[in-house]
Amino acid sequence: MEPGKALQGNLDPAILLAPWDEIERRAKDVIGRGSDGRGARLQPGHGVLPATNPDVLARLTDLVHEASAREPAGS
């Protein structure tokens, strides 16, 4: 990816129907790819499926916030 570009829609929304350990593994992979400064940020592609448990979305949000808090300033 070109520097200064951001990648969105990089988490398959169907993954949010999987067990938490799989969701966490996939989310951490996306977050890790974004930590190289190329701009990848976690976002379910094409929105969220209606069957997605809102508690999973809250847990995912917490995971992303925790990971973001650990990133160095300016990343």
PDB file of N, CA and C in Angstrom:
ATOM      1  N   MET A   1       0.844  -1.166   0.000  1.00  0.00           N
ATOM      2  CA  MET A   1       0.000   0.000   0.000  1.00  0.00           C
ATOM      3  C   MET A   1       0.896   1.239   0.000  1.00  0.00           C
ATOM      4  N   GLU A   2       0.458   2.260  -0.672  1.00  0.00           N
ATOM      5  CA  GLU A   2       1.219   3.509  -0.742  1.00  0.00           C
ATOM      6  C   GLU A   2       1.225   4.222   0.606  1.00  0.00           C
ATOM      7  N   PRO A   3       2.355   4.862   0.947  1.00  0.00           N
ATOM      8  CA  PRO A   3       2.370   5.664   2.175  1.00  0.00           C
ATOM      9  C   PRO A   3       1.293   6.752   2.104  1.00  0.00           C
ATOM     10  N   GLY A   4       0.679   7.027   3.242  1.00  0.00           N
ATOM     11  CA  GLY A   4      -0.347   8.057   3.303  1.00  0.00           C
ATOM     12  C   GLY A   4      -1.730   7.578   2.909  1.00  0.00           C
ATOM     13  N   LYS A   5      -1.866   6.305   2.554  1.00  0.00           N
ATOM     14  CA  LYS A   5      -3.167   5.739   2.193  1.00  0.00           C
ATOM     15  C   LYS A   5      -3.668   4.888   3.351  1.00  0.00           C
ATOM     16  N   ALA A   6      -4.977   4.827   3.523  1.00  0.00           N
ATOM     17  CA  ALA A   6      -5.571   4.011   4.583  1.00  0.00           C
ATOM     18  C   ALA A   6      -6.395   2.900   3.966  1.00  0.00           C
ATOM     19  N   LEU A   7      -6.353   1.734   4.579  1.00  0.00           N
ATOM     20  CA  LEU A   7      -7.133   0.584   4.135  1.00  0.00           C
ATOM     21  C   LEU A   7      -8.294   0.417   5.093  1.00  0.00           C
ATOM     22  N   GLN A   8      -9.507   0.397   4.568  1.00  0.00           N
ATOM     23  CA  GLN A   8     -10.693   0.211   5.397  1.00  0.00           C
ATOM     24  C   GLN A   8     -11.459  -1.007   4.898  1.00  0.00           C
ATOM     25  N   GLY A   9     -12.365  -1.512   5.715  1.00  0.00           N
ATOM     26  CA  GLY A   9     -13.155  -2.667   5.317  1.00  0.00           C
ATOM     27  C   GLY A   9     -12.306  -3.919   5.292  1.00  0.00           C
ATOM     28  N   ASN A  10     -11.374  -4.037   6.242  1.00  0.00           N
ATOM     29  CA  ASN A  10     -10.395  -5.098   6.209  1.00  0.00           C
ATOM     30  C   ASN A  10     -10.680  -6.251   7.167  1.00  0.00           C
ATOM     31  N   LEU A  11     -11.873  -6.313   7.719  1.00  0.00           N
ATOM     32  CA  LEU A  11     -12.285  -7.426   8.568  1.00  0.00           C
ATOM     33  C   LEU A  11     -13.619  -7.938   8.039  1.00  0.00           C
ATOM     34  N   ASP A  12     -13.638  -9.191   7.624  1.00  0.00           N
ATOM     35  CA  ASP A  12     -14.865  -9.797   7.097  1.00  0.00           C
ATOM     36  C   ASP A  12     -15.938  -9.756   8.186  1.00  0.00           C
ATOM     37  N   PRO A  13     -17.086  -9.122   7.926  1.00  0.00           N
ATOM     38  CA  PRO A  13     -18.111  -9.013   8.962  1.00  0.00           C
ATOM     39  C   PRO A  13     -18.629 -10.364   9.452  1.00  0.00           C
ATOM     40  N   ALA A  14     -18.515 -11.401   8.638  1.00  0.00           N
ATOM     41  CA  ALA A  14     -18.959 -12.736   9.058  1.00  0.00           C
ATOM     42  C   ALA A  14     -18.094 -13.273  10.196  1.00  0.00           C
ATOM     43  N   ILE A  15     -16.853 -12.795  10.300  1.00  0.00           N
ATOM     44  CA  ILE A  15     -15.970 -13.222  11.390  1.00  0.00           C
ATOM     45  C   ILE A  15     -16.586 -12.864  12.743  1.00  0.00           C
ATOM     46  N   LEU A  16     -17.380 -11.806  12.779  1.00  0.00           N
ATOM     47  CA  LEU A  16     -17.978 -11.370  14.044  1.00  0.00           C
ATOM     48  C   LEU A  16     -19.032 -12.341  14.565  1.00  0.00           C
ATOM     49  N   LEU A  17     -19.337 -13.372  13.785  1.00  0.00           N
ATOM     50  CA  LEU A  17     -20.254 -14.424  14.221  1.00  0.00           C
ATOM     51  C   LEU A  17     -19.498 -15.623  14.788  1.00  0.00           C
ATOM     52  N   ALA A  18     -18.174 -15.595  14.706  1.00  0.00           N
ATOM     53  CA  ALA A  18     -17.316 -16.693  15.164  1.00  0.00           C
ATOM     54  C   ALA A  18     -17.092 -16.599  16.671  1.00  0.00           C
ATOM     55  N   PRO A  19     -16.479 -17.643  17.244  1.00  0.00           N
ATOM     56  CA  PRO A  19     -16.109 -17.562  18.664  1.00  0.00           C
ATOM     57  C   PRO A  19     -15.111 -16.417  18.890  1.00  0.00           C
ATOM     58  N   TRP A  20     -15.117 -15.865  20.122  1.00  0.00           N
ATOM     59  CA  TRP A  20     -14.300 -14.697  20.418  1.00  0.00           C
ATOM     60  C   TRP A  20     -12.822 -14.909  20.110  1.00  0.00           C
ATOM     61  N   ASP A  21     -12.271 -16.089  20.400  1.00  0.00           N
ATOM     62  CA  ASP A  21     -10.837 -16.278  20.170  1.00  0.00           C
ATOM     63  C   ASP A  21     -10.470 -16.104  18.701  1.00  0.00           C
ATOM     64  N   GLU A  22     -11.350 -16.489  17.801  1.00  0.00           N
ATOM     65  CA  GLU A  22     -11.098 -16.291  16.367  1.00  0.00           C
ATOM     66  C   GLU A  22     -11.253 -14.813  15.983  1.00  0.00           C
ATOM     67  N   ILE A  23     -12.263 -14.154  16.520  1.00  0.00           N
ATOM     68  CA  ILE A  23     -12.451 -12.720  16.271  1.00  0.00           C
ATOM     69  C   ILE A  23     -11.216 -11.954  16.756  1.00  0.00           C
ATOM     70  N   GLU A  24     -10.773 -12.252  17.961  1.00  0.00           N
ATOM     71  CA  GLU A  24      -9.618 -11.572  18.535  1.00  0.00           C
ATOM     72  C   GLU A  24      -8.362 -11.807  17.695  1.00  0.00           C
ATOM     73  N   ARG A  25      -8.152 -13.052  17.260  1.00  0.00           N
ATOM     74  CA  ARG A  25      -6.972 -13.371  16.445  1.00  0.00           C
ATOM     75  C   ARG A  25      -6.981 -12.578  15.149  1.00  0.00           C
ATOM     76  N   ARG A  26      -8.133 -12.547  14.479  1.00  0.00           N
ATOM     77  CA  ARG A  26      -8.235 -11.830  13.205  1.00  0.00           C
ATOM     78  C   ARG A  26      -8.093 -10.322  13.402  1.00  0.00           C
ATOM     79  N   ALA A  27      -8.713  -9.800  14.440  1.00  0.00           N
ATOM     80  CA  ALA A  27      -8.629  -8.361  14.708  1.00  0.00           C
ATOM     81  C   ALA A  27      -7.198  -7.953  15.020  1.00  0.00           C
ATOM     82  N   LYS A  28      -6.509  -8.738  15.838  1.00  0.00           N
ATOM     83  CA  LYS A  28      -5.123  -8.423  16.174  1.00  0.00           C
ATOM     84  C   LYS A  28      -4.226  -8.484  14.938  1.00  0.00           C
ATOM     85  N   ASP A  29      -4.544  -9.368  14.007  1.00  0.00           N
ATOM     86  CA  ASP A  29      -3.783  -9.436  12.758  1.00  0.00           C
ATOM     87  C   ASP A  29      -3.939  -8.128  11.976  1.00  0.00           C
ATOM     88  N   VAL A  30      -5.176  -7.642  11.857  1.00  0.00           N
ATOM     89  CA  VAL A  30      -5.426  -6.383  11.143  1.00  0.00           C
ATOM     90  C   VAL A  30      -4.737  -5.228  11.862  1.00  0.00           C
ATOM     91  N   ILE A  31      -4.878  -5.183  13.176  1.00  0.00           N
ATOM     92  CA  ILE A  31      -4.261  -4.116  13.962  1.00  0.00           C
ATOM     93  C   ILE A  31      -2.745  -4.166  13.786  1.00  0.00           C
ATOM     94  N   GLY A  32      -2.172  -5.347  13.814  1.00  0.00           N
ATOM     95  CA  GLY A  32      -0.727  -5.499  13.641  1.00  0.00           C
ATOM     96  C   GLY A  32      -0.247  -5.025  12.286  1.00  0.00           C
ATOM     97  N   ARG A  33      -1.032  -5.269  11.250  1.00  0.00           N
ATOM     98  CA  ARG A  33      -0.656  -4.799   9.917  1.00  0.00           C
ATOM     99  C   ARG A  33      -0.701  -3.278   9.849  1.00  0.00           C
ATOM    100  N   GLY A  34      -1.531  -2.664  10.663  1.00  0.00           N
ATOM    101  CA  GLY A  34      -1.610  -1.205  10.675  1.00  0.00           C
ATOM    102  C   GLY A  34      -0.511  -0.553  11.473  1.00  0.00           C
ATOM    103  N   SER A  35       0.147  -1.327  12.325  1.00  0.00           N
ATOM    104  CA  SER A  35       1.180  -0.742  13.180  1.00  0.00           C
ATOM    105  C   SER A  35       2.466  -0.433  12.430  1.00  0.00           C
ATOM    106  N   ASP A  36       2.558  -0.827  11.154  1.00  0.00           N
ATOM    107  CA  ASP A  36       3.771  -0.536  10.388  1.00  0.00           C
ATOM    108  C   ASP A  36       3.726   0.853   9.757  1.00  0.00           C
ATOM    109  N   GLY A  37       2.680   1.620  10.082  1.00  0.00           N
ATOM    110  CA  GLY A  37       2.590   2.994   9.585  1.00  0.00           C
ATOM    111  C   GLY A  37       1.979   3.119   8.207  1.00  0.00           C
ATOM    112  N   ARG A  38       1.499   2.002   7.641  1.00  0.00           N
ATOM    113  CA  ARG A  38       0.933   2.071   6.294  1.00  0.00           C
ATOM    114  C   ARG A  38      -0.539   2.455   6.293  1.00  0.00           C
ATOM    115  N   GLY A  39      -1.169   2.559   7.445  1.00  0.00           N
ATOM    116  CA  GLY A  39      -2.527   3.072   7.484  1.00  0.00           C
ATOM    117  C   GLY A  39      -3.631   2.044   7.583  1.00  0.00           C
ATOM    118  N   ALA A  40      -3.326   0.760   7.747  1.00  0.00           N
ATOM    119  CA  ALA A  40      -4.393  -0.229   7.892  1.00  0.00           C
ATOM    120  C   ALA A  40      -5.067  -0.026   9.240  1.00  0.00           C
ATOM    121  N   ARG A  41      -6.365   0.125   9.240  1.00  0.00           N
ATOM    122  CA  ARG A  41      -7.132   0.266  10.465  1.00  0.00           C
ATOM    123  C   ARG A  41      -8.309  -0.684  10.395  1.00  0.00           C
ATOM    124  N   LEU A  42      -8.675  -1.224  11.535  1.00  0.00           N
ATOM    125  CA  LEU A  42      -9.722  -2.232  11.573  1.00  0.00           C
ATOM    126  C   LEU A  42     -11.091  -1.619  11.301  1.00  0.00           C
ATOM    127  N   GLN A  43     -11.802  -2.232  10.365  1.00  0.00           N
ATOM    128  CA  GLN A  43     -13.176  -1.831  10.063  1.00  0.00           C
ATOM    129  C   GLN A  43     -13.848  -2.991   9.342  1.00  0.00           C
ATOM    130  N   PRO A  44     -15.000  -3.461   9.851  1.00  0.00           N
ATOM    131  CA  PRO A  44     -15.700  -4.516   9.125  1.00  0.00           C
ATOM    132  C   PRO A  44     -16.090  -4.037   7.734  1.00  0.00           C
ATOM    133  N   GLY A  45     -15.815  -4.861   6.750  1.00  0.00           N
ATOM    134  CA  GLY A  45     -16.175  -4.517   5.379  1.00  0.00           C
ATOM    135  C   GLY A  45     -17.681  -4.620   5.177  1.00  0.00           C
ATOM    136  N   HIS A  46     -18.255  -3.687   4.484  1.00  0.00           N
ATOM    137  CA  HIS A  46     -19.683  -3.669   4.136  1.00  0.00           C
ATOM    138  C   HIS A  46     -20.586  -3.688   5.363  1.00  0.00           C
ATOM    139  N   GLY A  47     -20.136  -3.114   6.456  1.00  0.00           N
ATOM    140  CA  GLY A  47     -20.995  -2.995   7.635  1.00  0.00           C
ATOM    141  C   GLY A  47     -21.023  -4.246   8.492  1.00  0.00           C
ATOM    142  N   VAL A  48     -22.019  -4.335   9.342  1.00  0.00           N
ATOM    143  CA  VAL A  48     -22.146  -5.418  10.305  1.00  0.00           C
ATOM    144  C   VAL A  48     -23.414  -6.203   9.974  1.00  0.00           C
ATOM    145  N   LEU A  49     -23.309  -7.522  10.030  1.00  0.00           N
ATOM    146  CA  LEU A  49     -24.467  -8.375   9.747  1.00  0.00           C
ATOM    147  C   LEU A  49     -25.509  -8.241  10.860  1.00  0.00           C
ATOM    148  N   PRO A  50     -26.789  -8.309  10.502  1.00  0.00           N
ATOM    149  CA  PRO A  50     -27.852  -8.155  11.506  1.00  0.00           C
ATOM    150  C   PRO A  50     -27.768  -9.156  12.661  1.00  0.00           C
ATOM    151  N   ALA A  51     -27.229 -10.334  12.420  1.00  0.00           N
ATOM    152  CA  ALA A  51     -27.150 -11.367  13.460  1.00  0.00           C
ATOM    153  C   ALA A  51     -25.987 -11.156  14.432  1.00  0.00           C
ATOM    154  N   THR A  52     -25.181 -10.125  14.208  1.00  0.00           N
ATOM    155  CA  THR A  52     -24.021  -9.879  15.068  1.00  0.00           C
ATOM    156  C   THR A  52     -24.470  -9.449  16.460  1.00  0.00           C
ATOM    157  N   ASN A  53     -23.901 -10.088  17.459  1.00  0.00           N
ATOM    158  CA  ASN A  53     -24.210  -9.781  18.848  1.00  0.00           C
ATOM    159  C   ASN A  53     -23.600  -8.414  19.202  1.00  0.00           C
ATOM    160  N   PRO A  54     -24.397  -7.481  19.678  1.00  0.00           N
ATOM    161  CA  PRO A  54     -23.868  -6.164  20.064  1.00  0.00           C
ATOM    162  C   PRO A  54     -22.760  -6.246  21.112  1.00  0.00           C
ATOM    163  N   ASP A  55     -22.804  -7.260  21.976  1.00  0.00           N
ATOM    164  CA  ASP A  55     -21.749  -7.418  22.979  1.00  0.00           C
ATOM    165  C   ASP A  55     -20.403  -7.722  22.327  1.00  0.00           C
ATOM    166  N   VAL A  56     -20.425  -8.437  21.197  1.00  0.00           N
ATOM    167  CA  VAL A  56     -19.192  -8.722  20.465  1.00  0.00           C
ATOM    168  C   VAL A  56     -18.625  -7.421  19.897  1.00  0.00           C
ATOM    169  N   LEU A  57     -19.501  -6.557  19.393  1.00  0.00           N
ATOM    170  CA  LEU A  57     -19.051  -5.269  18.859  1.00  0.00           C
ATOM    171  C   LEU A  57     -18.424  -4.412  19.961  1.00  0.00           C
ATOM    172  N   ALA A  58     -19.017  -4.433  21.134  1.00  0.00           N
ATOM    173  CA  ALA A  58     -18.464  -3.671  22.263  1.00  0.00           C
ATOM    174  C   ALA A  58     -17.104  -4.231  22.666  1.00  0.00           C
ATOM    175  N   ARG A  59     -17.002  -5.542  22.684  1.00  0.00           N
ATOM    176  CA  ARG A  59     -15.728  -6.176  23.052  1.00  0.00           C
ATOM    177  C   ARG A  59     -14.651  -5.871  22.002  1.00  0.00           C
ATOM    178  N   LEU A  60     -15.031  -5.908  20.737  1.00  0.00           N
ATOM    179  CA  LEU A  60     -14.098  -5.585  19.658  1.00  0.00           C
ATOM    180  C   LEU A  60     -13.641  -4.128  19.765  1.00  0.00           C
ATOM    181  N   THR A  61     -14.570  -3.242  20.058  1.00  0.00           N
ATOM    182  CA  THR A  61     -14.238  -1.823  20.235  1.00  0.00           C
ATOM    183  C   THR A  61     -13.231  -1.653  21.370  1.00  0.00           C
ATOM    184  N   ASP A  62     -13.454  -2.347  22.475  1.00  0.00           N
ATOM    185  CA  ASP A  62     -12.515  -2.284  23.595  1.00  0.00           C
ATOM    186  C   ASP A  62     -11.135  -2.781  23.177  1.00  0.00           C
ATOM    187  N   LEU A  63     -11.086  -3.866  22.416  1.00  0.00           N
ATOM    188  CA  LEU A  63      -9.819  -4.418  21.949  1.00  0.00           C
ATOM    189  C   LEU A  63      -9.064  -3.397  21.090  1.00  0.00           C
ATOM    190  N   VAL A  64      -9.774  -2.746  20.182  1.00  0.00           N
ATOM    191  CA  VAL A  64      -9.152  -1.747  19.309  1.00  0.00           C
ATOM    192  C   VAL A  64      -8.669  -0.551  20.125  1.00  0.00           C
ATOM    193  N   HIS A  65      -9.465  -0.100  21.074  1.00  0.00           N
ATOM    194  CA  HIS A  65      -9.053   1.031  21.917  1.00  0.00           C
ATOM    195  C   HIS A  65      -7.808   0.691  22.728  1.00  0.00           C
ATOM    196  N   GLU A  66      -7.756  -0.518  23.275  1.00  0.00           N
ATOM    197  CA  GLU A  66      -6.586  -0.949  24.041  1.00  0.00           C
ATOM    198  C   GLU A  66      -5.351  -0.977  23.160  1.00  0.00           C
ATOM    199  N   ALA A  67      -5.492  -1.508  21.951  1.00  0.00           N
ATOM    200  CA  ALA A  67      -4.358  -1.585  21.019  1.00  0.00           C
ATOM    201  C   ALA A  67      -3.923  -0.183  20.596  1.00  0.00           C
ATOM    202  N   SER A  68      -4.879   0.698  20.381  1.00  0.00           N
ATOM    203  CA  SER A  68      -4.560   2.072  19.961  1.00  0.00           C
ATOM    204  C   SER A  68      -3.825   2.821  21.066  1.00  0.00           C
ATOM    205  N   ALA A  69      -4.182   2.555  22.303  1.00  0.00           N
ATOM    206  CA  ALA A  69      -3.543   3.232  23.420  1.00  0.00           C
ATOM    207  C   ALA A  69      -2.077   2.822  23.558  1.00  0.00           C
ATOM    208  N   ARG A  70      -1.741   1.636  23.046  1.00  0.00           N
ATOM    209  CA  ARG A  70      -0.358   1.153  23.114  1.00  0.00           C
ATOM    210  C   ARG A  70       0.501   1.638  21.970  1.00  0.00           C
ATOM    211  N   GLU A  71      -0.121   2.209  20.900  1.00  0.00           N
ATOM    212  CA  GLU A  71       0.645   2.688  19.753  1.00  0.00           C
ATOM    213  C   GLU A  71       1.398   3.951  20.120  1.00  0.00           C
ATOM    214  N   PRO A  72       2.621   4.085  19.612  1.00  0.00           N
ATOM    215  CA  PRO A  72       3.359   5.332  19.856  1.00  0.00           C
ATOM    216  C   PRO A  72       2.647   6.515  19.215  1.00  0.00           C
ATOM    217  N   ALA A  73       2.759   7.680  19.799  1.00  0.00           N
ATOM    218  CA  ALA A  73       2.155   8.891  19.249  1.00  0.00           C
ATOM    219  C   ALA A  73       2.698   9.146  17.856  1.00  0.00           C
ATOM    220  N   GLY A  74       1.804   9.555  16.941  1.00  0.00           N
ATOM    221  CA  GLY A  74       2.207   9.849  15.582  1.00  0.00           C
ATOM    222  C   GLY A  74       2.176   8.659  14.661  1.00  0.00           C
ATOM    223  N   SER A  75       1.742   7.468  15.148  1.00  0.00           N
ATOM    224  CA  SER A  75       1.672   6.291  14.288  1.00  0.00           C
ATOM    225  C   SER A  75       0.497   6.378  13.361  1.00  0.00           C
TER     226      SER A  75
END
